[in-house]
Amino acid sequence: MGIVLENTVLVPCAPSDFYEFCVDGRQHYNLPGYEGLAPEFTECVPGRSWVETVETGSESFRYSYTLYPIADSTRATIGVEIEPKGVGVLMAGLKAARYRKRESARLVAMKKSLAKNLVRKVIREVERENSRRAFPMRFGEESG
């Protein structure tokens, strides 16, 4: 019998940005403690929902993400089914509180990382626009 948890977090971005951060960029696996994990993505509905599974030596995780647009933000509902393996199966009930705490900390770290990623994205777009204004001609074009 596994452990089932569900959390909801409000993030200040569009659902498509959150989807891109997690599924296309897989940035949520650059968080401390999650580096090197290789998620498998299934049931992807771009900009709306997806399921990912992660296997470690001692546990299996099945995350389900559902995104809801709310004004200029996104409400993300994240469910996780955790299946301990080996000896961990016997201790699953005792580990539930630790899993809950770890998943809450993961969401906080994910939200911070997403915010930093969005700031970098905006800075790149502003720099790109400023360089177009400074150098409006493309290579090979002649001014008229």
N, C-alpha and C. Protein backbone atom coordinates (compact mmCIF):
# COMPACT_ATOMS: atom_id res chain seq x y z
N MET A 1 0.85 -1.18 0.00
CA MET A 1 0.00 0.00 0.00
C MET A 1 0.88 1.23 0.00
N GLY A 2 0.65 2.13 -0.92
CA GLY A 2 1.45 3.33 -1.06
C GLY A 2 0.89 4.49 -0.26
N ILE A 3 1.56 5.60 -0.39
CA ILE A 3 1.18 6.85 0.28
C ILE A 3 0.71 7.80 -0.80
N VAL A 4 -0.44 8.42 -0.58
CA VAL A 4 -1.01 9.35 -1.55
C VAL A 4 -1.09 10.73 -0.90
N LEU A 5 -0.51 11.73 -1.59
CA LEU A 5 -0.52 13.10 -1.11
C LEU A 5 -1.03 14.01 -2.22
N GLU A 6 -1.61 15.14 -1.84
CA GLU A 6 -2.03 16.12 -2.83
C GLU A 6 -1.79 17.51 -2.26
N ASN A 7 -1.23 18.38 -3.09
CA ASN A 7 -0.96 19.76 -2.71
C ASN A 7 -1.43 20.68 -3.82
N THR A 8 -1.72 21.90 -3.45
CA THR A 8 -2.07 22.93 -4.42
C THR A 8 -1.19 24.14 -4.16
N VAL A 9 -0.68 24.71 -5.23
CA VAL A 9 0.19 25.88 -5.12
C VAL A 9 -0.23 26.90 -6.17
N LEU A 10 -0.16 28.18 -5.82
CA LEU A 10 -0.46 29.26 -6.76
C LEU A 10 0.86 29.84 -7.23
N VAL A 11 1.06 29.85 -8.55
CA VAL A 11 2.31 30.37 -9.11
C VAL A 11 1.99 31.55 -10.03
N PRO A 12 2.82 32.59 -9.97
CA PRO A 12 2.55 33.81 -10.74
C PRO A 12 3.01 33.72 -12.20
N CYS A 13 2.38 32.84 -12.97
CA CYS A 13 2.71 32.71 -14.39
C CYS A 13 1.55 32.05 -15.10
N ALA A 14 1.63 32.03 -16.39
CA ALA A 14 0.60 31.36 -17.20
C ALA A 14 0.79 29.85 -17.12
N PRO A 15 -0.29 29.08 -17.29
CA PRO A 15 -0.15 27.62 -17.29
C PRO A 15 0.88 27.12 -18.31
N SER A 16 0.95 27.78 -19.46
CA SER A 16 1.91 27.36 -20.49
C SER A 16 3.35 27.53 -20.02
N ASP A 17 3.63 28.58 -19.22
CA ASP A 17 4.97 28.77 -18.68
C ASP A 17 5.32 27.69 -17.67
N PHE A 18 4.36 27.33 -16.82
CA PHE A 18 4.59 26.28 -15.83
C PHE A 18 4.81 24.94 -16.53
N TYR A 19 4.01 24.67 -17.54
CA TYR A 19 4.15 23.43 -18.32
C TYR A 19 5.53 23.37 -18.98
N GLU A 20 5.92 24.48 -19.61
CA GLU A 20 7.21 24.54 -20.28
C GLU A 20 8.35 24.32 -19.28
N PHE A 21 8.25 24.91 -18.12
CA PHE A 21 9.27 24.78 -17.07
C PHE A 21 9.43 23.32 -16.65
N CYS A 22 8.32 22.64 -16.47
CA CYS A 22 8.36 21.26 -15.96
C CYS A 22 8.55 20.21 -17.04
N VAL A 23 7.75 20.25 -18.09
CA VAL A 23 7.76 19.18 -19.08
C VAL A 23 8.81 19.41 -20.16
N ASP A 24 8.81 20.58 -20.77
CA ASP A 24 9.76 20.84 -21.84
C ASP A 24 11.18 21.03 -21.30
N GLY A 25 11.30 21.81 -20.21
CA GLY A 25 12.63 22.10 -19.66
C GLY A 25 13.09 21.15 -18.58
N ARG A 26 12.15 20.42 -17.97
CA ARG A 26 12.45 19.50 -16.87
C ARG A 26 13.26 20.19 -15.77
N GLN A 27 13.00 21.49 -15.59
CA GLN A 27 13.75 22.28 -14.62
C GLN A 27 13.43 21.90 -13.17
N HIS A 28 12.28 21.32 -12.93
CA HIS A 28 11.94 20.97 -11.55
C HIS A 28 12.74 19.77 -11.06
N TYR A 29 13.58 19.19 -11.90
CA TYR A 29 14.49 18.14 -11.46
C TYR A 29 15.91 18.66 -11.30
N ASN A 30 16.08 19.97 -11.29
CA ASN A 30 17.36 20.60 -10.97
C ASN A 30 17.36 21.08 -9.53
N LEU A 31 16.34 20.73 -8.77
CA LEU A 31 16.22 21.15 -7.38
C LEU A 31 17.11 20.27 -6.51
N PRO A 32 17.61 20.82 -5.39
CA PRO A 32 18.43 20.01 -4.48
C PRO A 32 17.69 18.74 -4.05
N GLY A 33 18.38 17.62 -4.16
CA GLY A 33 17.80 16.34 -3.78
C GLY A 33 17.11 15.62 -4.93
N TYR A 34 16.92 16.30 -6.05
CA TYR A 34 16.22 15.69 -7.19
C TYR A 34 17.10 15.64 -8.44
N GLU A 35 18.34 16.14 -8.33
CA GLU A 35 19.22 16.13 -9.48
C GLU A 35 19.49 14.69 -9.92
N GLY A 36 19.59 14.50 -11.20
CA GLY A 36 19.93 13.19 -11.72
C GLY A 36 18.76 12.24 -11.87
N LEU A 37 17.59 12.59 -11.36
CA LEU A 37 16.42 11.74 -11.54
C LEU A 37 15.90 11.93 -12.96
N ALA A 38 15.43 10.87 -13.56
CA ALA A 38 14.96 10.91 -14.94
C ALA A 38 13.46 10.60 -14.98
N PRO A 39 12.63 11.64 -15.01
CA PRO A 39 11.19 11.39 -15.05
C PRO A 39 10.74 10.89 -16.41
N GLU A 40 9.70 10.09 -16.40
CA GLU A 40 9.06 9.64 -17.64
C GLU A 40 7.71 10.34 -17.70
N PHE A 41 7.47 11.11 -18.76
CA PHE A 41 6.24 11.88 -18.89
C PHE A 41 5.22 11.12 -19.73
N THR A 42 3.98 11.09 -19.26
CA THR A 42 2.88 10.45 -19.98
C THR A 42 1.64 11.32 -19.83
N GLU A 43 0.62 11.00 -20.59
CA GLU A 43 -0.68 11.67 -20.50
C GLU A 43 -0.55 13.19 -20.54
N CYS A 44 0.33 13.69 -21.41
CA CYS A 44 0.56 15.13 -21.49
C CYS A 44 -0.52 15.83 -22.31
N VAL A 45 -1.11 16.85 -21.73
CA VAL A 45 -2.02 17.76 -22.43
C VAL A 45 -1.33 19.12 -22.31
N PRO A 46 -0.65 19.57 -23.38
CA PRO A 46 0.17 20.78 -23.30
C PRO A 46 -0.54 21.97 -22.65
N GLY A 47 0.16 22.54 -21.68
CA GLY A 47 -0.36 23.71 -20.98
C GLY A 47 -1.46 23.41 -19.98
N ARG A 48 -1.81 22.14 -19.78
CA ARG A 48 -2.95 21.82 -18.92
C ARG A 48 -2.67 20.75 -17.86
N SER A 49 -2.09 19.61 -18.28
CA SER A 49 -1.88 18.52 -17.31
C SER A 49 -0.86 17.52 -17.85
N TRP A 50 -0.32 16.71 -16.94
CA TRP A 50 0.57 15.63 -17.31
C TRP A 50 0.79 14.73 -16.11
N VAL A 51 1.33 13.58 -16.39
CA VAL A 51 1.69 12.60 -15.37
C VAL A 51 3.16 12.27 -15.58
N GLU A 52 3.89 12.16 -14.50
CA GLU A 52 5.29 11.76 -14.61
C GLU A 52 5.59 10.71 -13.54
N THR A 53 6.43 9.78 -13.92
CA THR A 53 6.84 8.74 -12.98
C THR A 53 8.36 8.81 -12.81
N VAL A 54 8.77 8.53 -11.58
CA VAL A 54 10.19 8.54 -11.23
C VAL A 54 10.47 7.30 -10.40
N GLU A 55 11.51 6.59 -10.77
CA GLU A 55 11.91 5.38 -10.04
C GLU A 55 13.26 5.63 -9.37
N THR A 56 13.37 5.31 -8.11
CA THR A 56 14.65 5.30 -7.41
C THR A 56 14.86 3.88 -6.89
N GLY A 57 15.96 3.66 -6.26
CA GLY A 57 16.23 2.34 -5.72
C GLY A 57 15.29 1.94 -4.59
N SER A 58 14.77 2.93 -3.88
CA SER A 58 13.94 2.63 -2.71
C SER A 58 12.47 3.05 -2.84
N GLU A 59 12.13 3.77 -3.92
CA GLU A 59 10.75 4.26 -4.06
C GLU A 59 10.36 4.43 -5.52
N SER A 60 9.05 4.42 -5.74
CA SER A 60 8.47 4.79 -7.03
C SER A 60 7.54 5.96 -6.77
N PHE A 61 7.64 7.00 -7.61
CA PHE A 61 6.78 8.16 -7.49
C PHE A 61 5.95 8.29 -8.75
N ARG A 62 4.69 8.59 -8.61
CA ARG A 62 3.81 8.89 -9.74
C ARG A 62 3.15 10.23 -9.44
N TYR A 63 3.61 11.27 -10.14
CA TYR A 63 3.08 12.62 -9.95
C TYR A 63 2.03 12.91 -11.01
N SER A 64 0.96 13.55 -10.62
CA SER A 64 -0.02 14.04 -11.59
C SER A 64 -0.20 15.53 -11.36
N TYR A 65 -0.05 16.30 -12.43
CA TYR A 65 -0.14 17.76 -12.38
C TYR A 65 -1.37 18.20 -13.17
N THR A 66 -2.14 19.09 -12.58
CA THR A 66 -3.26 19.70 -13.29
C THR A 66 -3.16 21.20 -13.07
N LEU A 67 -3.22 21.96 -14.16
CA LEU A 67 -3.05 23.41 -14.10
C LEU A 67 -4.36 24.12 -14.41
N TYR A 68 -4.65 25.13 -13.61
CA TYR A 68 -5.86 25.93 -13.79
C TYR A 68 -5.46 27.40 -13.87
N PRO A 69 -5.86 28.10 -14.96
CA PRO A 69 -5.55 29.53 -15.03
C PRO A 69 -6.42 30.31 -14.05
N ILE A 70 -5.79 31.22 -13.32
CA ILE A 70 -6.51 32.08 -12.37
C ILE A 70 -5.96 33.48 -12.58
N ALA A 71 -6.74 34.35 -13.23
CA ALA A 71 -6.31 35.72 -13.55
C ALA A 71 -4.94 35.66 -14.24
N ASP A 72 -3.90 36.26 -13.64
CA ASP A 72 -2.58 36.25 -14.26
C ASP A 72 -1.66 35.22 -13.60
N SER A 73 -2.24 34.22 -12.96
CA SER A 73 -1.48 33.18 -12.27
C SER A 73 -1.99 31.80 -12.67
N THR A 74 -1.41 30.80 -12.06
CA THR A 74 -1.81 29.41 -12.30
C THR A 74 -1.94 28.69 -10.96
N ARG A 75 -3.04 27.99 -10.81
CA ARG A 75 -3.18 27.11 -9.64
C ARG A 75 -2.80 25.72 -10.11
N ALA A 76 -1.77 25.18 -9.50
CA ALA A 76 -1.29 23.84 -9.85
C ALA A 76 -1.68 22.87 -8.74
N THR A 77 -2.42 21.84 -9.10
CA THR A 77 -2.75 20.78 -8.16
C THR A 77 -1.86 19.61 -8.50
N ILE A 78 -1.08 19.18 -7.51
CA ILE A 78 -0.08 18.15 -7.73
C ILE A 78 -0.36 16.99 -6.78
N GLY A 79 -0.68 15.86 -7.37
CA GLY A 79 -0.89 14.65 -6.58
C GLY A 79 0.31 13.74 -6.75
N VAL A 80 0.63 13.00 -5.71
CA VAL A 80 1.75 12.07 -5.79
C VAL A 80 1.37 10.77 -5.09
N GLU A 81 1.68 9.69 -5.77
CA GLU A 81 1.52 8.35 -5.19
C GLU A 81 2.93 7.81 -4.99
N ILE A 82 3.26 7.49 -3.76
CA ILE A 82 4.60 7.02 -3.43
C ILE A 82 4.52 5.55 -3.03
N GLU A 83 5.28 4.73 -3.72
CA GLU A 83 5.33 3.30 -3.43
C GLU A 83 6.72 2.95 -2.93
N PRO A 84 6.88 2.76 -1.62
CA PRO A 84 8.19 2.33 -1.12
C PRO A 84 8.52 0.93 -1.63
N LYS A 85 9.81 0.65 -1.77
CA LYS A 85 10.27 -0.65 -2.23
C LYS A 85 11.10 -1.30 -1.13
N GLY A 86 11.25 -2.59 -1.22
CA GLY A 86 12.11 -3.32 -0.30
C GLY A 86 11.66 -3.19 1.15
N VAL A 87 12.61 -2.98 2.05
CA VAL A 87 12.33 -2.87 3.48
C VAL A 87 11.46 -1.65 3.77
N GLY A 88 11.54 -0.63 2.92
CA GLY A 88 10.75 0.59 3.10
C GLY A 88 9.25 0.34 3.14
N VAL A 89 8.81 -0.76 2.54
CA VAL A 89 7.38 -1.10 2.55
C VAL A 89 6.89 -1.28 3.98
N LEU A 90 7.71 -1.89 4.81
CA LEU A 90 7.33 -2.13 6.21
C LEU A 90 7.24 -0.83 7.01
N MET A 91 7.98 0.19 6.59
CA MET A 91 8.03 1.45 7.32
C MET A 91 7.19 2.55 6.67
N ALA A 92 6.40 2.23 5.65
CA ALA A 92 5.67 3.24 4.89
C ALA A 92 4.79 4.12 5.77
N GLY A 93 4.07 3.53 6.69
CA GLY A 93 3.20 4.32 7.57
C GLY A 93 3.98 5.31 8.41
N LEU A 94 5.15 4.91 8.88
CA LEU A 94 5.98 5.79 9.69
C LEU A 94 6.63 6.90 8.87
N LYS A 95 6.84 6.63 7.58
CA LYS A 95 7.48 7.61 6.70
C LYS A 95 6.51 8.65 6.14
N ALA A 96 5.22 8.47 6.31
CA ALA A 96 4.22 9.35 5.69
C ALA A 96 4.46 10.82 6.04
N ALA A 97 4.73 11.13 7.30
CA ALA A 97 4.95 12.52 7.71
C ALA A 97 6.20 13.09 7.03
N ARG A 98 7.23 12.29 6.91
CA ARG A 98 8.46 12.74 6.26
C ARG A 98 8.21 13.01 4.77
N TYR A 99 7.44 12.14 4.12
CA TYR A 99 7.10 12.36 2.71
C TYR A 99 6.30 13.65 2.55
N ARG A 100 5.34 13.88 3.43
CA ARG A 100 4.52 15.08 3.37
C ARG A 100 5.39 16.33 3.48
N LYS A 101 6.30 16.33 4.43
CA LYS A 101 7.20 17.46 4.63
C LYS A 101 8.12 17.66 3.42
N ARG A 102 8.64 16.56 2.88
CA ARG A 102 9.53 16.64 1.73
C ARG A 102 8.81 17.19 0.50
N GLU A 103 7.58 16.74 0.27
CA GLU A 103 6.83 17.23 -0.89
C GLU A 103 6.46 18.70 -0.75
N SER A 104 6.14 19.14 0.46
CA SER A 104 5.85 20.57 0.69
C SER A 104 7.09 21.41 0.41
N ALA A 105 8.25 20.95 0.88
CA ALA A 105 9.51 21.66 0.63
C ALA A 105 9.83 21.66 -0.87
N ARG A 106 9.52 20.57 -1.56
CA ARG A 106 9.76 20.48 -3.00
C ARG A 106 8.93 21.52 -3.74
N LEU A 107 7.67 21.69 -3.34
CA LEU A 107 6.82 22.68 -4.00
C LEU A 107 7.33 24.10 -3.78
N VAL A 108 7.78 24.40 -2.58
CA VAL A 108 8.34 25.73 -2.30
C VAL A 108 9.57 25.97 -3.16
N ALA A 109 10.46 24.99 -3.23
CA ALA A 109 11.67 25.11 -4.04
C ALA A 109 11.33 25.23 -5.53
N MET A 110 10.33 24.47 -5.98
CA MET A 110 9.90 24.53 -7.38
C MET A 110 9.36 25.91 -7.71
N LYS A 111 8.57 26.47 -6.82
CA LYS A 111 7.99 27.79 -7.04
C LYS A 111 9.08 28.86 -7.13
N LYS A 112 10.08 28.78 -6.25
CA LYS A 112 11.20 29.73 -6.29
C LYS A 112 12.00 29.58 -7.57
N SER A 113 12.28 28.36 -7.96
CA SER A 113 13.05 28.10 -9.17
C SER A 113 12.29 28.59 -10.41
N LEU A 114 10.99 28.37 -10.43
CA LEU A 114 10.16 28.84 -11.54
C LEU A 114 10.20 30.36 -11.63
N ALA A 115 10.11 31.04 -10.49
CA ALA A 115 10.14 32.51 -10.47
C ALA A 115 11.48 33.01 -11.04
N LYS A 116 12.59 32.40 -10.63
CA LYS A 116 13.90 32.79 -11.15
C LYS A 116 13.97 32.54 -12.65
N ASN A 117 13.45 31.41 -13.09
CA ASN A 117 13.46 31.06 -14.51
C ASN A 117 12.65 32.07 -15.32
N LEU A 118 11.51 32.49 -14.79
CA LEU A 118 10.67 33.47 -15.50
C LEU A 118 11.36 34.82 -15.58
N VAL A 119 12.05 35.23 -14.51
CA VAL A 119 12.78 36.50 -14.53
C VAL A 119 13.86 36.45 -15.60
N ARG A 120 14.61 35.33 -15.64
CA ARG A 120 15.65 35.18 -16.67
C ARG A 120 15.05 35.25 -18.08
N LYS A 121 13.89 34.63 -18.25
CA LYS A 121 13.23 34.62 -19.56
C LYS A 121 12.84 36.04 -19.97
N VAL A 122 12.31 36.82 -19.04
CA VAL A 122 11.92 38.21 -19.34
C VAL A 122 13.16 39.04 -19.67
N ILE A 123 14.24 38.85 -18.90
CA ILE A 123 15.47 39.59 -19.17
C ILE A 123 16.00 39.27 -20.57
N ARG A 124 15.99 37.98 -20.95
CA ARG A 124 16.44 37.59 -22.29
C ARG A 124 15.58 38.24 -23.37
N GLU A 125 14.26 38.28 -23.16
CA GLU A 125 13.37 38.89 -24.15
C GLU A 125 13.63 40.39 -24.28
N VAL A 126 13.85 41.07 -23.15
CA VAL A 126 14.14 42.50 -23.18
C VAL A 126 15.47 42.75 -23.87
N GLU A 127 16.48 41.96 -23.54
CA GLU A 127 17.78 42.11 -24.20
C GLU A 127 17.68 41.87 -25.70
N ARG A 128 16.91 40.86 -26.10
CA ARG A 128 16.73 40.56 -27.51
C ARG A 128 16.04 41.73 -28.22
N GLU A 129 15.02 42.29 -27.58
CA GLU A 129 14.30 43.42 -28.18
C GLU A 129 15.20 44.65 -28.26
N ASN A 130 15.98 44.88 -27.21
CA ASN A 130 16.90 46.02 -27.23
C ASN A 130 17.96 45.87 -28.31
N SER A 131 18.45 44.64 -28.53
CA SER A 131 19.46 44.45 -29.57
C SER A 131 18.86 44.65 -30.95
N ARG A 132 17.58 44.33 -31.13
CA ARG A 132 16.91 44.57 -32.42
C ARG A 132 16.81 46.07 -32.69
N ARG A 133 16.52 46.83 -31.64
CA ARG A 133 16.42 48.28 -31.81
C ARG A 133 17.78 48.89 -32.13
N ALA A 134 18.83 48.39 -31.47
CA ALA A 134 20.17 48.93 -31.68
C ALA A 134 20.73 48.52 -33.04
N PHE A 135 20.40 47.31 -33.47
CA PHE A 135 20.90 46.78 -34.74
C PHE A 135 19.71 46.25 -35.55
N PRO A 136 18.90 47.16 -36.15
CA PRO A 136 17.68 46.71 -36.83
C PRO A 136 17.93 45.92 -38.11
N MET A 137 19.09 46.11 -38.76
CA MET A 137 19.35 45.38 -40.00
C MET A 137 19.87 43.99 -39.69
N ARG A 138 19.47 43.05 -40.48
CA ARG A 138 20.00 41.70 -40.37
C ARG A 138 21.19 41.55 -41.28
N PHE A 139 22.01 40.58 -41.01
CA PHE A 139 23.19 40.34 -41.82
C PHE A 139 22.77 40.12 -43.28
N GLY A 140 23.43 40.81 -44.16
CA GLY A 140 23.16 40.65 -45.58
C GLY A 140 22.15 41.64 -46.13
N GLU A 141 21.48 42.41 -45.23
CA GLU A 141 20.50 43.40 -45.69
C GLU A 141 21.20 44.71 -45.97
N GLU A 142 20.63 45.45 -46.90
CA GLU A 142 21.17 46.78 -47.19
C GLU A 142 20.18 47.82 -46.74
N SER A 143 20.70 48.93 -46.24
CA SER A 143 19.78 50.00 -45.84
C SER A 143 19.30 50.73 -47.09
N GLY A 144 18.10 51.23 -47.02
CA GLY A 144 17.52 51.73 -48.22
C GLY A 144 17.41 53.11 -48.40
